[in-house]
């Protein structure tokens, strides 16, 4: 049986970098996701080229794209908070690990 050894805590610097990166890139990713969702499902196209999301001038999905984007941004903020808290915890050394 093979046993791998790793450090118990990730480096705090990498976690801080990840938290800041997520906060800075989330608005751009949300904008790209909005465009991709609207292209994949043409919500507000009228006429002959209407997709399955629009039937007889009614939006059948009820503007769901905004809900998806809000959920995405909430998840990004939550991830940044968790990474930031983990970086703070990884940066502090527990009293039991100190050598006296």
C-alpha atoms as a PDB file:
ATOM      1  CA  UNK A   1       0.000   0.000   0.000  1.00  0.00           C
ATOM      2  CA  UNK A   2       1.432   3.357  -1.056  1.00  0.00           C
ATOM      3  CA  UNK A   3       1.256   6.289   1.303  1.00  0.00           C
ATOM      4  CA  UNK A   4       1.734   9.850   0.144  1.00  0.00           C
ATOM      5  CA  UNK A   5       2.766  12.614   2.481  1.00  0.00           C
ATOM      6  CA  UNK A   6       1.504  16.157   2.150  1.00  0.00           C
ATOM      7  CA  UNK A   7       1.537  19.236   4.301  1.00  0.00           C
ATOM      8  CA  UNK A   8      -1.503  19.663   6.470  1.00  0.00           C
ATOM      9  CA  UNK A   9      -2.106  23.243   5.354  1.00  0.00           C
ATOM     10  CA  UNK A  10      -1.835  24.926   1.962  1.00  0.00           C
ATOM     11  CA  UNK A  11       0.365  28.009   1.757  1.00  0.00           C
ATOM     12  CA  UNK A  12      -1.456  31.164   2.872  1.00  0.00           C
ATOM     13  CA  UNK A  13      -0.076  33.237  -0.015  1.00  0.00           C
ATOM     14  CA  UNK A  14      -1.693  31.002  -2.650  1.00  0.00           C
ATOM     15  CA  UNK A  15      -5.042  31.117  -0.871  1.00  0.00           C
ATOM     16  CA  UNK A  16      -4.933  34.914  -0.597  1.00  0.00           C
ATOM     17  CA  UNK A  17      -4.054  35.152  -4.285  1.00  0.00           C
ATOM     18  CA  UNK A  18      -6.976  32.861  -5.158  1.00  0.00           C
ATOM     19  CA  UNK A  19      -9.434  34.882  -3.051  1.00  0.00           C
ATOM     20  CA  UNK A  20      -8.410  38.172  -4.661  1.00  0.00           C
ATOM     21  CA  UNK A  21      -8.404  36.644  -8.155  1.00  0.00           C
ATOM     22  CA  UNK A  22     -11.914  35.272  -7.724  1.00  0.00           C
ATOM     23  CA  UNK A  23     -13.218  38.659  -6.581  1.00  0.00           C
ATOM     24  CA  UNK A  24     -11.544  40.490  -9.459  1.00  0.00           C
ATOM     25  CA  UNK A  25     -12.504  38.025 -12.201  1.00  0.00           C
ATOM     26  CA  UNK A  26     -16.072  37.225 -11.091  1.00  0.00           C
ATOM     27  CA  UNK A  27     -17.734  40.268 -12.750  1.00  0.00           C
ATOM     28  CA  UNK A  28     -16.062  39.509 -16.086  1.00  0.00           C
ATOM     29  CA  UNK A  29     -16.968  35.830 -15.841  1.00  0.00           C
ATOM     30  CA  UNK A  30     -20.571  36.793 -14.988  1.00  0.00           C
ATOM     31  CA  UNK A  31     -20.747  39.036 -18.052  1.00  0.00           C
ATOM     32  CA  UNK A  32     -19.394  36.257 -20.266  1.00  0.00           C
ATOM     33  CA  UNK A  33     -21.824  33.770 -18.718  1.00  0.00           C
ATOM     34  CA  UNK A  34     -24.720  36.150 -19.386  1.00  0.00           C
ATOM     35  CA  UNK A  35     -23.797  36.443 -23.048  1.00  0.00           C
ATOM     36  CA  UNK A  36     -23.322  32.689 -23.408  1.00  0.00           C
ATOM     37  CA  UNK A  37     -26.677  31.918 -21.789  1.00  0.00           C
ATOM     38  CA  UNK A  38     -28.505  34.402 -23.956  1.00  0.00           C
ATOM     39  CA  UNK A  39     -26.870  33.026 -27.099  1.00  0.00           C
ATOM     40  CA  UNK A  40     -27.620  29.436 -26.089  1.00  0.00           C
ATOM     41  CA  UNK A  41     -31.266  30.257 -25.400  1.00  0.00           C
ATOM     42  CA  UNK A  42     -32.494  33.333 -27.259  1.00  0.00           C
ATOM     43  CA  UNK A  43     -34.864  34.632 -24.602  1.00  0.00           C
ATOM     44  CA  UNK A  44     -36.015  37.816 -26.235  1.00  0.00           C
ATOM     45  CA  UNK A  45     -35.935  37.043 -29.941  1.00  0.00           C
ATOM     46  CA  UNK A  46     -39.226  37.678 -31.703  1.00  0.00           C
ATOM     47  CA  UNK A  47     -40.487  36.448 -35.034  1.00  0.00           C
ATOM     48  CA  UNK A  48     -39.647  33.389 -37.133  1.00  0.00           C
ATOM     49  CA  UNK A  49     -36.342  32.700 -35.406  1.00  0.00           C
ATOM     50  CA  UNK A  50     -37.667  32.378 -31.857  1.00  0.00           C
ATOM     51  CA  UNK A  51     -36.248  29.500 -29.891  1.00  0.00           C
ATOM     52  CA  UNK A  52     -37.811  27.125 -27.426  1.00  0.00           C
ATOM     53  CA  UNK A  53     -37.606  29.759 -24.663  1.00  0.00           C
ATOM     54  CA  UNK A  54     -40.098  32.070 -26.377  1.00  0.00           C
ATOM     55  CA  UNK A  55     -43.555  30.874 -27.421  1.00  0.00           C
ATOM     56  CA  UNK A  56     -46.168  33.243 -28.854  1.00  0.00           C
ATOM     57  CA  UNK A  57     -44.349  36.315 -27.545  1.00  0.00           C
ATOM     58  CA  UNK A  58     -44.167  34.927 -23.978  1.00  0.00           C
ATOM     59  CA  UNK A  59     -40.915  34.265 -22.168  1.00  0.00           C
ATOM     60  CA  UNK A  60     -41.506  30.727 -20.911  1.00  0.00           C
ATOM     61  CA  UNK A  61     -38.546  30.668 -18.561  1.00  0.00           C
ATOM     62  CA  UNK A  62     -39.374  33.925 -16.794  1.00  0.00           C
ATOM     63  CA  UNK A  63     -36.052  35.730 -17.155  1.00  0.00           C
ATOM     64  CA  UNK A  64     -34.039  32.965 -15.508  1.00  0.00           C
ATOM     65  CA  UNK A  65     -30.702  34.301 -16.745  1.00  0.00           C
ATOM     66  CA  UNK A  66     -30.579  37.007 -14.070  1.00  0.00           C
ATOM     67  CA  UNK A  67     -31.176  34.388 -11.361  1.00  0.00           C
ATOM     68  CA  UNK A  68     -28.340  32.251 -12.680  1.00  0.00           C
ATOM     69  CA  UNK A  69     -25.976  35.232 -12.721  1.00  0.00           C
ATOM     70  CA  UNK A  70     -26.900  36.260  -9.167  1.00  0.00           C
ATOM     71  CA  UNK A  71     -26.316  32.688  -7.968  1.00  0.00           C
ATOM     72  CA  UNK A  72     -22.957  32.618  -9.783  1.00  0.00           C
ATOM     73  CA  UNK A  73     -21.840  35.878  -8.162  1.00  0.00           C
ATOM     74  CA  UNK A  74     -22.978  34.708  -4.710  1.00  0.00           C
ATOM     75  CA  UNK A  75     -20.973  31.510  -5.178  1.00  0.00           C
ATOM     76  CA  UNK A  76     -17.913  33.510  -6.236  1.00  0.00           C
ATOM     77  CA  UNK A  77     -18.143  35.748  -3.163  1.00  0.00           C
ATOM     78  CA  UNK A  78     -18.592  32.712  -0.916  1.00  0.00           C
ATOM     79  CA  UNK A  79     -15.527  31.056  -2.475  1.00  0.00           C
ATOM     80  CA  UNK A  80     -13.469  34.215  -1.971  1.00  0.00           C
ATOM     81  CA  UNK A  81     -14.552  34.439   1.678  1.00  0.00           C
ATOM     82  CA  UNK A  82     -13.712  30.793   2.338  1.00  0.00           C
ATOM     83  CA  UNK A  83     -10.306  31.130   0.668  1.00  0.00           C
ATOM     84  CA  UNK A  84      -9.605  34.342   2.573  1.00  0.00           C
ATOM     85  CA  UNK A  85     -10.507  32.759   5.903  1.00  0.00           C
ATOM     86  CA  UNK A  86      -8.439  29.684   5.053  1.00  0.00           C
ATOM     87  CA  UNK A  87      -5.480  31.909   4.186  1.00  0.00           C
ATOM     88  CA  UNK A  88      -5.782  33.664   7.524  1.00  0.00           C
ATOM     89  CA  UNK A  89      -5.961  30.326   9.329  1.00  0.00           C
ATOM     90  CA  UNK A  90      -3.044  28.873   7.356  1.00  0.00           C
ATOM     91  CA  UNK A  91      -0.972  31.963   8.124  1.00  0.00           C
ATOM     92  CA  UNK A  92      -1.276  31.455  11.860  1.00  0.00           C
ATOM     93  CA  UNK A  93       0.610  28.644  13.486  1.00  0.00           C
ATOM     94  CA  UNK A  94      -1.320  26.729  16.161  1.00  0.00           C
ATOM     95  CA  UNK A  95       0.114  26.754  19.695  1.00  0.00           C
ATOM     96  CA  UNK A  96       0.450  22.958  19.685  1.00  0.00           C
ATOM     97  CA  UNK A  97       2.822  23.083  16.695  1.00  0.00           C
ATOM     98  CA  UNK A  98       5.264  25.510  18.289  1.00  0.00           C
ATOM     99  CA  UNK A  99       8.489  24.143  19.743  1.00  0.00           C
ATOM    100  CA  UNK A 100       9.293  25.517  23.163  1.00  0.00           C
END
